[in-house]
PDB file of N, CA and C in Angstrom:
ATOM      1  N   MET A   1     -52.970  15.365 -45.675  1.00  0.00           N
ATOM      2  CA  MET A   1     -52.491  15.795 -44.393  1.00  0.00           C
ATOM      3  C   MET A   1     -52.139  14.615 -43.511  1.00  0.00           C
ATOM      4  N   SER A   2     -52.993  13.586 -43.489  1.00  0.00           N
ATOM      5  CA  SER A   2     -52.685  12.417 -42.665  1.00  0.00           C
ATOM      6  C   SER A   2     -51.426  11.732 -43.171  1.00  0.00           C
ATOM      7  N   ASP A   3     -51.182  11.806 -44.478  1.00  0.00           N
ATOM      8  CA  ASP A   3     -49.968  11.237 -45.054  1.00  0.00           C
ATOM      9  C   ASP A   3     -48.741  11.962 -44.487  1.00  0.00           C
ATOM     10  N   MET A   4     -48.857  13.260 -44.352  1.00  0.00           N
ATOM     11  CA  MET A   4     -47.749  14.046 -43.815  1.00  0.00           C
ATOM     12  C   MET A   4     -47.544  13.752 -42.334  1.00  0.00           C
ATOM     13  N   LEU A   5     -48.644  13.598 -41.609  1.00  0.00           N
ATOM     14  CA  LEU A   5     -48.535  13.256 -40.190  1.00  0.00           C
ATOM     15  C   LEU A   5     -47.888  11.891 -40.017  1.00  0.00           C
ATOM     16  N   GLU A   6     -48.232  10.961 -40.869  1.00  0.00           N
ATOM     17  CA  GLU A   6     -47.614   9.634 -40.794  1.00  0.00           C
ATOM     18  C   GLU A   6     -46.122   9.715 -41.061  1.00  0.00           C
ATOM     19  N   LYS A   7     -45.740  10.553 -42.040  1.00  0.00           N
ATOM     20  CA  LYS A   7     -44.316  10.725 -42.332  1.00  0.00           C
ATOM     21  C   LYS A   7     -43.590  11.366 -41.148  1.00  0.00           C
ATOM     22  N   LEU A   8     -44.232  12.365 -40.539  1.00  0.00           N
ATOM     23  CA  LEU A   8     -43.628  13.014 -39.368  1.00  0.00           C
ATOM     24  C   LEU A   8     -43.507  12.048 -38.195  1.00  0.00           C
ATOM     25  N   LEU A   9     -44.535  11.253 -38.000  1.00  0.00           N
ATOM     26  CA  LEU A   9     -44.470  10.242 -36.937  1.00  0.00           C
ATOM     27  C   LEU A   9     -43.375   9.227 -37.233  1.00  0.00           C
ATOM     28  N   GLY A  10     -43.215   8.863 -38.512  1.00  0.00           N
ATOM     29  CA  GLY A  10     -42.146   7.939 -38.900  1.00  0.00           C
ATOM     30  C   GLY A  10     -40.777   8.532 -38.639  1.00  0.00           C
ATOM     31  N   VAL A  11     -40.628   9.814 -38.963  1.00  0.00           N
ATOM     32  CA  VAL A  11     -39.353  10.510 -38.721  1.00  0.00           C
ATOM     33  C   VAL A  11     -39.091  10.576 -37.221  1.00  0.00           C
ATOM     34  N   GLU A  12     -40.138  10.899 -36.453  1.00  0.00           N
ATOM     35  CA  GLU A  12     -39.990  10.977 -35.005  1.00  0.00           C
ATOM     36  C   GLU A  12     -39.619   9.617 -34.424  1.00  0.00           C
ATOM     37  N   LYS A  13     -40.254   8.568 -34.935  1.00  0.00           N
ATOM     38  CA  LYS A  13     -39.953   7.209 -34.466  1.00  0.00           C
ATOM     39  C   LYS A  13     -38.510   6.840 -34.808  1.00  0.00           C
ATOM     40  N   THR A  14     -38.075   7.191 -36.014  1.00  0.00           N
ATOM     41  CA  THR A  14     -36.696   6.927 -36.422  1.00  0.00           C
ATOM     42  C   THR A  14     -35.724   7.698 -35.530  1.00  0.00           C
ATOM     43  N   ALA A  15     -36.033   8.957 -35.249  1.00  0.00           N
ATOM     44  CA  ALA A  15     -35.188   9.785 -34.398  1.00  0.00           C
ATOM     45  C   ALA A  15     -35.112   9.203 -32.989  1.00  0.00           C
ATOM     46  N   ALA A  16     -36.255   8.759 -32.476  1.00  0.00           N
ATOM     47  CA  ALA A  16     -36.274   8.161 -31.137  1.00  0.00           C
ATOM     48  C   ALA A  16     -35.423   6.884 -31.112  1.00  0.00           C
ATOM     49  N   GLY A  17     -35.506   6.108 -32.190  1.00  0.00           N
ATOM     50  CA  GLY A  17     -34.690   4.897 -32.284  1.00  0.00           C
ATOM     51  C   GLY A  17     -33.207   5.229 -32.325  1.00  0.00           C
ATOM     52  N   LEU A  18     -32.857   6.272 -33.090  1.00  0.00           N
ATOM     53  CA  LEU A  18     -31.453   6.687 -33.159  1.00  0.00           C
ATOM     54  C   LEU A  18     -30.942   7.174 -31.802  1.00  0.00           C
ATOM     55  N   VAL A  19     -31.775   7.926 -31.088  1.00  0.00           N
ATOM     56  CA  VAL A  19     -31.401   8.409 -29.756  1.00  0.00           C
ATOM     57  C   VAL A  19     -31.196   7.231 -28.807  1.00  0.00           C
ATOM     58  N   ALA A  20     -32.097   6.254 -28.871  1.00  0.00           N
ATOM     59  CA  ALA A  20     -31.976   5.077 -28.011  1.00  0.00           C
ATOM     60  C   ALA A  20     -30.702   4.300 -28.327  1.00  0.00           C
ATOM     61  N   GLU A  21     -30.399   4.136 -29.610  1.00  0.00           N
ATOM     62  CA  GLU A  21     -29.167   3.452 -30.006  1.00  0.00           C
ATOM     63  C   GLU A  21     -27.944   4.215 -29.529  1.00  0.00           C
ATOM     64  N   ALA A  22     -27.983   5.538 -29.655  1.00  0.00           N
ATOM     65  CA  ALA A  22     -26.856   6.368 -29.216  1.00  0.00           C
ATOM     66  C   ALA A  22     -26.657   6.249 -27.704  1.00  0.00           C
ATOM     67  N   GLU A  23     -27.758   6.232 -26.967  1.00  0.00           N
ATOM     68  CA  GLU A  23     -27.662   6.073 -25.511  1.00  0.00           C
ATOM     69  C   GLU A  23     -27.085   4.711 -25.148  1.00  0.00           C
ATOM     70  N   GLU A  24     -27.510   3.663 -25.832  1.00  0.00           N
ATOM     71  CA  GLU A  24     -26.978   2.319 -25.578  1.00  0.00           C
ATOM     72  C   GLU A  24     -25.480   2.263 -25.880  1.00  0.00           C
ATOM     73  N   GLU A  25     -25.102   2.862 -27.013  1.00  0.00           N
ATOM     74  CA  GLU A  25     -23.685   2.871 -27.397  1.00  0.00           C
ATOM     75  C   GLU A  25     -22.859   3.664 -26.375  1.00  0.00           C
ATOM     76  N   ALA A  26     -23.392   4.781 -25.942  1.00  0.00           N
ATOM     77  CA  ALA A  26     -22.695   5.575 -24.925  1.00  0.00           C
ATOM     78  C   ALA A  26     -22.545   4.779 -23.636  1.00  0.00           C
ATOM     79  N   GLY A  27     -23.581   4.060 -23.265  1.00  0.00           N
ATOM     80  CA  GLY A  27     -23.509   3.214 -22.076  1.00  0.00           C
ATOM     81  C   GLY A  27     -22.456   2.130 -22.214  1.00  0.00           C
ATOM     82  N   ARG A  28     -22.419   1.481 -23.384  1.00  0.00           N
ATOM     83  CA  ARG A  28     -21.409   0.438 -23.618  1.00  0.00           C
ATOM     84  C   ARG A  28     -19.997   1.011 -23.561  1.00  0.00           C
ATOM     85  N   ARG A  29     -19.820   2.155 -24.209  1.00  0.00           N
ATOM     86  CA  ARG A  29     -18.487   2.777 -24.219  1.00  0.00           C
ATOM     87  C   ARG A  29     -18.064   3.219 -22.817  1.00  0.00           C
ATOM     88  N   THR A  30     -19.020   3.765 -22.077  1.00  0.00           N
ATOM     89  CA  THR A  30     -18.716   4.193 -20.708  1.00  0.00           C
ATOM     90  C   THR A  30     -18.328   2.988 -19.848  1.00  0.00           C
ATOM     91  N   THR A  31     -19.087   1.916 -19.977  1.00  0.00           N
ATOM     92  CA  THR A  31     -18.784   0.700 -19.221  1.00  0.00           C
ATOM     93  C   THR A  31     -17.414   0.153 -19.600  1.00  0.00           C
ATOM     94  N   GLN A  32     -17.128   0.105 -20.897  1.00  0.00           N
ATOM     95  CA  GLN A  32     -15.834  -0.395 -21.366  1.00  0.00           C
ATOM     96  C   GLN A  32     -14.692   0.483 -20.847  1.00  0.00           C
ATOM     97  N   ALA A  33     -14.875   1.794 -20.902  1.00  0.00           N
ATOM     98  CA  ALA A  33     -13.840   2.719 -20.418  1.00  0.00           C
ATOM     99  C   ALA A  33     -13.617   2.542 -18.922  1.00  0.00           C
ATOM    100  N   ARG A  34     -14.700   2.361 -18.165  1.00  0.00           N
ATOM    101  CA  ARG A  34     -14.594   2.152 -16.722  1.00  0.00           C
ATOM    102  C   ARG A  34     -13.841   0.862 -16.424  1.00  0.00           C
ATOM    103  N   LEU A  35     -14.169  -0.211 -17.149  1.00  0.00           N
ATOM    104  CA  LEU A  35     -13.477  -1.486 -16.936  1.00  0.00           C
ATOM    105  C   LEU A  35     -11.989  -1.384 -17.263  1.00  0.00           C
ATOM    106  N   GLU A  36     -11.671  -0.697 -18.351  1.00  0.00           N
ATOM    107  CA  GLU A  36     -10.268  -0.527 -18.719  1.00  0.00           C
ATOM    108  C   GLU A  36      -9.529   0.321 -17.691  1.00  0.00           C
ATOM    109  N   ALA A  37     -10.176   1.358 -17.188  1.00  0.00           N
ATOM    110  CA  ALA A  37      -9.556   2.209 -16.165  1.00  0.00           C
ATOM    111  C   ALA A  37      -9.327   1.415 -14.881  1.00  0.00           C
ATOM    112  N   GLN A  38     -10.295   0.589 -14.495  1.00  0.00           N
ATOM    113  CA  GLN A  38     -10.145  -0.237 -13.307  1.00  0.00           C
ATOM    114  C   GLN A  38      -9.008  -1.235 -13.477  1.00  0.00           C
ATOM    115  N   LYS A  39      -8.892  -1.794 -14.679  1.00  0.00           N
ATOM    116  CA  LYS A  39      -7.813  -2.742 -14.953  1.00  0.00           C
ATOM    117  C   LYS A  39      -6.450  -2.054 -14.853  1.00  0.00           C
ATOM    118  N   ARG A  40      -6.333  -0.862 -15.449  1.00  0.00           N
ATOM    119  CA  ARG A  40      -5.072  -0.111 -15.366  1.00  0.00           C
ATOM    120  C   ARG A  40      -4.757   0.245 -13.919  1.00  0.00           C
ATOM    121  N   HIS A  41      -5.782   0.655 -13.177  1.00  0.00           N
ATOM    122  CA  HIS A  41      -5.600   1.013 -11.774  1.00  0.00           C
ATOM    123  C   HIS A  41      -5.120  -0.199 -10.969  1.00  0.00           C
ATOM    124  N   THR A  42      -5.727  -1.349 -11.207  1.00  0.00           N
ATOM    125  CA  THR A  42      -5.325  -2.569 -10.511  1.00  0.00           C
ATOM    126  C   THR A  42      -3.881  -2.928 -10.834  1.00  0.00           C
ATOM    127  N   GLU A  43      -3.510  -2.836 -12.099  1.00  0.00           N
ATOM    128  CA  GLU A  43      -2.134  -3.131 -12.491  1.00  0.00           C
ATOM    129  C   GLU A  43      -1.156  -2.152 -11.855  1.00  0.00           C
ATOM    130  N   LEU A  44      -1.536  -0.881 -11.801  1.00  0.00           N
ATOM    131  CA  LEU A  44      -0.692   0.133 -11.176  1.00  0.00           C
ATOM    132  C   LEU A  44      -0.523  -0.165  -9.692  1.00  0.00           C
ATOM    133  N   LEU A  45      -1.614  -0.532  -9.021  1.00  0.00           N
ATOM    134  CA  LEU A  45      -1.538  -0.864  -7.602  1.00  0.00           C
ATOM    135  C   LEU A  45      -0.630  -2.070  -7.367  1.00  0.00           C
ATOM    136  N   LYS A  46      -0.743  -3.078  -8.224  1.00  0.00           N
ATOM    137  CA  LYS A  46       0.117  -4.255  -8.075  1.00  0.00           C
ATOM    138  C   LYS A  46       1.583  -3.889  -8.272  1.00  0.00           C
ATOM    139  N   THR A  47       1.852  -3.045  -9.263  1.00  0.00           N
ATOM    140  CA  THR A  47       3.226  -2.604  -9.512  1.00  0.00           C
ATOM    141  C   THR A  47       3.771  -1.834  -8.319  1.00  0.00           C
ATOM    142  N   LYS A  48       2.978  -0.888  -7.816  1.00  0.00           N
ATOM    143  CA  LYS A  48       3.416  -0.089  -6.666  1.00  0.00           C
ATOM    144  C   LYS A  48       3.597  -0.965  -5.428  1.00  0.00           C
ATOM    145  N   ALA A  49       2.710  -1.937  -5.233  1.00  0.00           N
ATOM    146  CA  ALA A  49       2.837  -2.833  -4.089  1.00  0.00           C
ATOM    147  C   ALA A  49       4.125  -3.647  -4.184  1.00  0.00           C
ATOM    148  N   ALA A  50       4.452  -4.111  -5.380  1.00  0.00           N
ATOM    149  CA  ALA A  50       5.694  -4.864  -5.571  1.00  0.00           C
ATOM    150  C   ALA A  50       6.908  -3.972  -5.314  1.00  0.00           C
ATOM    151  N   GLU A  51       6.864  -2.736  -5.819  1.00  0.00           N
ATOM    152  CA  GLU A  51       7.970  -1.798  -5.580  1.00  0.00           C
ATOM    153  C   GLU A  51       8.118  -1.509  -4.093  1.00  0.00           C
ATOM    154  N   ASN A  52       7.000  -1.261  -3.417  1.00  0.00           N
ATOM    155  CA  ASN A  52       7.050  -0.980  -1.987  1.00  0.00           C
ATOM    156  C   ASN A  52       7.525  -2.193  -1.196  1.00  0.00           C
ATOM    157  N   GLY A  53       7.116  -3.389  -1.622  1.00  0.00           N
ATOM    158  CA  GLY A  53       7.575  -4.606  -0.959  1.00  0.00           C
ATOM    159  C   GLY A  53       9.085  -4.776  -1.097  1.00  0.00           C
ATOM    160  N   ALA A  54       9.599  -4.489  -2.287  1.00  0.00           N
ATOM    161  CA  ALA A  54      11.044  -4.585  -2.504  1.00  0.00           C
ATOM    162  C   ALA A  54      11.785  -3.538  -1.679  1.00  0.00           C
ATOM    163  N   ALA A  55      11.247  -2.329  -1.634  1.00  0.00           N
ATOM    164  CA  ALA A  55      11.875  -1.265  -0.838  1.00  0.00           C
ATOM    165  C   ALA A  55      11.853  -1.622   0.647  1.00  0.00           C
ATOM    166  N   LEU A  56      10.756  -2.202   1.097  1.00  0.00           N
ATOM    167  CA  LEU A  56      10.643  -2.612   2.497  1.00  0.00           C
ATOM    168  C   LEU A  56      11.653  -3.698   2.823  1.00  0.00           C
ATOM    169  N   ALA A  57      11.778  -4.673   1.948  1.00  0.00           N
ATOM    170  CA  ALA A  57      12.747  -5.752   2.185  1.00  0.00           C
ATOM    171  C   ALA A  57      14.169  -5.203   2.220  1.00  0.00           C
ATOM    172  N   ALA A  58      14.477  -4.269   1.334  1.00  0.00           N
ATOM    173  CA  ALA A  58      15.815  -3.663   1.319  1.00  0.00           C
ATOM    174  C   ALA A  58      16.067  -2.880   2.603  1.00  0.00           C
ATOM    175  N   GLU A  59      15.070  -2.123   3.054  1.00  0.00           N
ATOM    176  CA  GLU A  59      15.222  -1.344   4.288  1.00  0.00           C
ATOM    177  C   GLU A  59      15.378  -2.257   5.495  1.00  0.00           C
ATOM    178  N   ARG A  60      14.612  -3.340   5.529  1.00  0.00           N
ATOM    179  CA  ARG A  60      14.751  -4.303   6.637  1.00  0.00           C
ATOM    180  C   ARG A  60      16.141  -4.920   6.645  1.00  0.00           C
ATOM    181  N   ALA A  61      16.656  -5.266   5.477  1.00  0.00           N
ATOM    182  CA  ALA A  61      17.996  -5.838   5.388  1.00  0.00           C
ATOM    183  C   ALA A  61      19.041  -4.822   5.849  1.00  0.00           C
ATOM    184  N   ARG A  62      18.866  -3.563   5.442  1.00  0.00           N
ATOM    185  CA  ARG A  62      19.808  -2.518   5.855  1.00  0.00           C
ATOM    186  C   ARG A  62      19.782  -2.338   7.370  1.00  0.00           C
ATOM    187  N   LEU A  63      18.574  -2.297   7.942  1.00  0.00           N
ATOM    188  CA  LEU A  63      18.455  -2.138   9.391  1.00  0.00           C
ATOM    189  C   LEU A  63      19.021  -3.335  10.149  1.00  0.00           C
ATOM    190  N   ALA A  64      18.806  -4.528   9.617  1.00  0.00           N
ATOM    191  CA  ALA A  64      19.349  -5.731  10.264  1.00  0.00           C
ATOM    192  C   ALA A  64      20.877  -5.695  10.246  1.00  0.00           C
ATOM    193  N   ALA A  65      21.450  -5.283   9.124  1.00  0.00           N
ATOM    194  CA  ALA A  65      22.913  -5.190   9.038  1.00  0.00           C
ATOM    195  C   ALA A  65      23.432  -4.114   9.993  1.00  0.00           C
ATOM    196  N   GLU A  66      22.733  -2.995  10.046  1.00  0.00           N
ATOM    197  CA  GLU A  66      23.127  -1.915  10.963  1.00  0.00           C
ATOM    198  C   GLU A  66      23.052  -2.373  12.412  1.00  0.00           C
ATOM    199  N   ARG A  67      21.971  -3.048  12.759  1.00  0.00           N
ATOM    200  CA  ARG A  67      21.793  -3.555  14.121  1.00  0.00           C
ATOM    201  C   ARG A  67      22.875  -4.578  14.467  1.00  0.00           C
ATOM    202  N   GLU A  68      23.160  -5.461  13.537  1.00  0.00           N
ATOM    203  CA  GLU A  68      24.183  -6.475  13.783  1.00  0.00           C
ATOM    204  C   GLU A  68      25.551  -5.834  13.989  1.00  0.00           C
ATOM    205  N   ALA A  69      25.875  -4.820  13.181  1.00  0.00           N
ATOM    206  CA  ALA A  69      27.148  -4.117  13.329  1.00  0.00           C
ATOM    207  C   ALA A  69      27.225  -3.426  14.689  1.00  0.00           C
ATOM    208  N   ARG A  70      26.132  -2.761  15.070  1.00  0.00           N
ATOM    209  CA  ARG A  70      26.110  -2.082  16.371  1.00  0.00           C
ATOM    210  C   ARG A  70      26.241  -3.082  17.513  1.00  0.00           C
ATOM    211  N   ASN A  71      25.536  -4.209  17.417  1.00  0.00           N
ATOM    212  CA  ASN A  71      25.626  -5.229  18.463  1.00  0.00           C
ATOM    213  C   ASN A  71      27.034  -5.810  18.555  1.00  0.00           C
ATOM    214  N   SER A  72      27.658  -6.046  17.414  1.00  0.00           N
ATOM    215  CA  SER A  72      29.028  -6.566  17.415  1.00  0.00           C
ATOM    216  C   SER A  72      29.980  -5.577  18.075  1.00  0.00           C
ATOM    217  N   GLU A  73      29.790  -4.313  17.754  1.00  0.00           N
ATOM    218  CA  GLU A  73      30.635  -3.272  18.355  1.00  0.00           C
ATOM    219  C   GLU A  73      30.456  -3.237  19.864  1.00  0.00           C
ATOM    220  N   GLU A  74      29.212  -3.307  20.318  1.00  0.00           N
ATOM    221  CA  GLU A  74      28.947  -3.297  21.763  1.00  0.00           C
ATOM    222  C   GLU A  74      29.510  -4.549  22.442  1.00  0.00           C
ATOM    223  N   ARG A  75      29.356  -5.696  21.793  1.00  0.00           N
ATOM    224  CA  ARG A  75      29.923  -6.925  22.369  1.00  0.00           C
ATOM    225  C   ARG A  75      31.442  -6.808  22.507  1.00  0.00           C
ATOM    226  N   GLU A  76      32.044  -6.225  21.480  1.00  0.00           N
ATOM    227  CA  GLU A  76      33.499  -6.067  21.519  1.00  0.00           C
ATOM    228  C   GLU A  76      33.907  -5.123  22.646  1.00  0.00           C
ATOM    229  N   LYS A  77      33.170  -4.020  22.817  1.00  0.00           N
ATOM    230  CA  LYS A  77      33.461  -3.084  23.909  1.00  0.00           C
ATOM    231  C   LYS A  77      33.332  -3.784  25.260  1.00  0.00           C
ATOM    232  N   LEU A  78      32.268  -4.563  25.393  1.00  0.00           N
ATOM    233  CA  LEU A  78      32.050  -5.257  26.658  1.00  0.00           C
ATOM    234  C   LEU A  78      33.142  -6.300  26.920  1.00  0.00           C
ATOM    235  N   SER A  79      33.568  -6.969  25.874  1.00  0.00           N
ATOM    236  CA  SER A  79      34.599  -7.992  26.080  1.00  0.00           C
ATOM    237  C   SER A  79      35.949  -7.364  26.427  1.00  0.00           C
ATOM    238  N   ARG A  80      36.194  -6.126  25.998  1.00  0.00           N
ATOM    239  CA  ARG A  80      37.458  -5.444  26.315  1.00  0.00           C
ATOM    240  C   ARG A  80      37.451  -4.875  27.722  1.00  0.00           C
ATOM    241  N   SER A  81      36.281  -4.559  28.244  1.00  0.00           N
ATOM    242  CA  SER A  81      36.240  -3.975  29.586  1.00  0.00           C
ATOM    243  C   SER A  81      36.417  -5.060  30.633  1.00  0.00           C
ATOM    244  N   ARG A  82      37.104  -4.683  31.690  1.00  0.00           N
ATOM    245  CA  ARG A  82      37.323  -5.656  32.758  1.00  0.00           C
ATOM    246  C   ARG A  82      36.110  -5.673  33.666  1.00  0.00           C
ATOM    247  N   THR A  83      35.851  -6.802  34.176  1.00  0.00           N
ATOM    248  CA  THR A  83      34.707  -6.956  35.064  1.00  0.00           C
ATOM    249  C   THR A  83      35.159  -6.700  36.491  1.00  0.00           C
ATOM    250  N   ASP A  84      34.480  -5.802  37.134  1.00  0.00           N
ATOM    251  CA  ASP A  84      34.765  -5.524  38.539  1.00  0.00           C
ATOM    252  C   ASP A  84      33.659  -6.193  39.344  1.00  0.00           C
ATOM    253  N   GLU A  85      33.859  -7.464  39.643  1.00  0.00           N
ATOM    254  CA  GLU A  85      32.814  -8.257  40.315  1.00  0.00           C
ATOM    255  C   GLU A  85      32.502  -7.734  41.705  1.00  0.00           C
ATOM    256  N   ALA A  86      33.504  -7.242  42.401  1.00  0.00           N
ATOM    257  CA  ALA A  86      33.264  -6.732  43.757  1.00  0.00           C
ATOM    258  C   ALA A  86      32.350  -5.513  43.715  1.00  0.00           C
ATOM    259  N   ALA A  87      32.583  -4.623  42.772  1.00  0.00           N
ATOM    260  CA  ALA A  87      31.733  -3.433  42.654  1.00  0.00           C
ATOM    261  C   ALA A  87      30.319  -3.828  42.238  1.00  0.00           C
ATOM    262  N   PHE A  88      30.216  -4.820  41.355  1.00  0.00           N
ATOM    263  CA  PHE A  88      28.901  -5.287  40.911  1.00  0.00           C
ATOM    264  C   PHE A  88      28.121  -5.876  42.081  1.00  0.00           C
ATOM    265  N   ARG A  89      28.812  -6.726  42.856  1.00  0.00           N
ATOM    266  CA  ARG A  89      28.141  -7.332  44.030  1.00  0.00           C
ATOM    267  C   ARG A  89      27.694  -6.255  45.016  1.00  0.00           C
ATOM    268  N   ALA A  90      28.555  -5.270  45.241  1.00  0.00           N
ATOM    269  CA  ALA A  90      28.218  -4.204  46.176  1.00  0.00           C
ATOM    270  C   ALA A  90      26.995  -3.431  45.682  1.00  0.00           C
ATOM    271  N   ALA A  91      26.944  -3.154  44.386  1.00  0.00           N
ATOM    272  CA  ALA A  91      25.812  -2.426  43.832  1.00  0.00           C
ATOM    273  C   ALA A  91      24.526  -3.238  43.941  1.00  0.00           C
ATOM    274  N   VAL A  92      24.603  -4.524  43.641  1.00  0.00           N
ATOM    275  CA  VAL A  92      23.420  -5.392  43.737  1.00  0.00           C
ATOM    276  C   VAL A  92      22.954  -5.493  45.176  1.00  0.00           C
ATOM    277  N   LEU A  93      23.885  -5.670  46.105  1.00  0.00           N
ATOM    278  CA  LEU A  93      23.517  -5.755  47.525  1.00  0.00           C
ATOM    279  C   LEU A  93      22.909  -4.447  48.010  1.00  0.00           C
ATOM    280  N   ALA A  94      23.395  -3.325  47.528  1.00  0.00           N
ATOM    281  CA  ALA A  94      22.831  -2.034  47.928  1.00  0.00           C
ATOM    282  C   ALA A  94      21.389  -1.913  47.418  1.00  0.00           C
ATOM    283  N   ILE A  95      21.152  -2.371  46.227  1.00  0.00           N
ATOM    284  CA  ILE A  95      19.791  -2.326  45.677  1.00  0.00           C
ATOM    285  C   ILE A  95      18.870  -3.234  46.471  1.00  0.00           C
ATOM    286  N   ILE A  96      19.376  -4.402  46.814  1.00  0.00           N
ATOM    287  CA  ILE A  96      18.563  -5.351  47.603  1.00  0.00           C
ATOM    288  C   ILE A  96      18.237  -4.768  48.962  1.00  0.00           C
ATOM    289  N   GLU A  97      19.226  -4.153  49.605  1.00  0.00           N
ATOM    290  CA  GLU A  97      19.009  -3.569  50.931  1.00  0.00           C
ATOM    291  C   GLU A  97      17.998  -2.424  50.853  1.00  0.00           C
ATOM    292  N   LYS A  98      18.038  -1.637  49.783  1.00  0.00           N
ATOM    293  CA  LYS A  98      17.069  -0.555  49.621  1.00  0.00           C
ATOM    294  C   LYS A  98      15.658  -1.118  49.520  1.00  0.00           C
ATOM    295  N   GLY A  99      15.549  -2.250  48.857  1.00  0.00           N
ATOM    296  CA  GLY A  99      14.238  -2.870  48.674  1.00  0.00           C
ATOM    297  C   GLY A  99      13.665  -3.384  49.975  1.00  0.00           C
ATOM    298  N   ARG A 100      14.529  -3.771  50.882  1.00  0.00           N
ATOM    299  CA  ARG A 100      14.061  -4.294  52.183  1.00  0.00           C
ATOM    300  C   ARG A 100      13.631  -3.167  53.107  1.00  0.00           C
ATOM    301  N   ALA A 101      14.165  -2.012  52.868  1.00  0.00           N
ATOM    302  CA  ALA A 101      13.899  -0.908  53.794  1.00  0.00           C
ATOM    303  C   ALA A 101      12.545  -0.287  53.591  1.00  0.00           C
TER     304      ALA A 101
END
């Protein structure tokens, strides 16, 4: 009977060792999978950041060109209009007089 108990204890010890090894392996695999997922995530973030940076630069360039075109158009309109200095002086003097009152 004690021989059988020793065999059962040996089997139990072997089973416990196998469970411990399986848990260690699962831990290693989980850690490896997490590291690989983090690496992929980091690479994806870098790719998206580069894409967004390029899109931002393109949008800024488009807006700068649009602004420059609009400013040129306004400058041209202003240069074509005649300056009525007398009316301007009268308007400025009226504003000044209002401020004194």
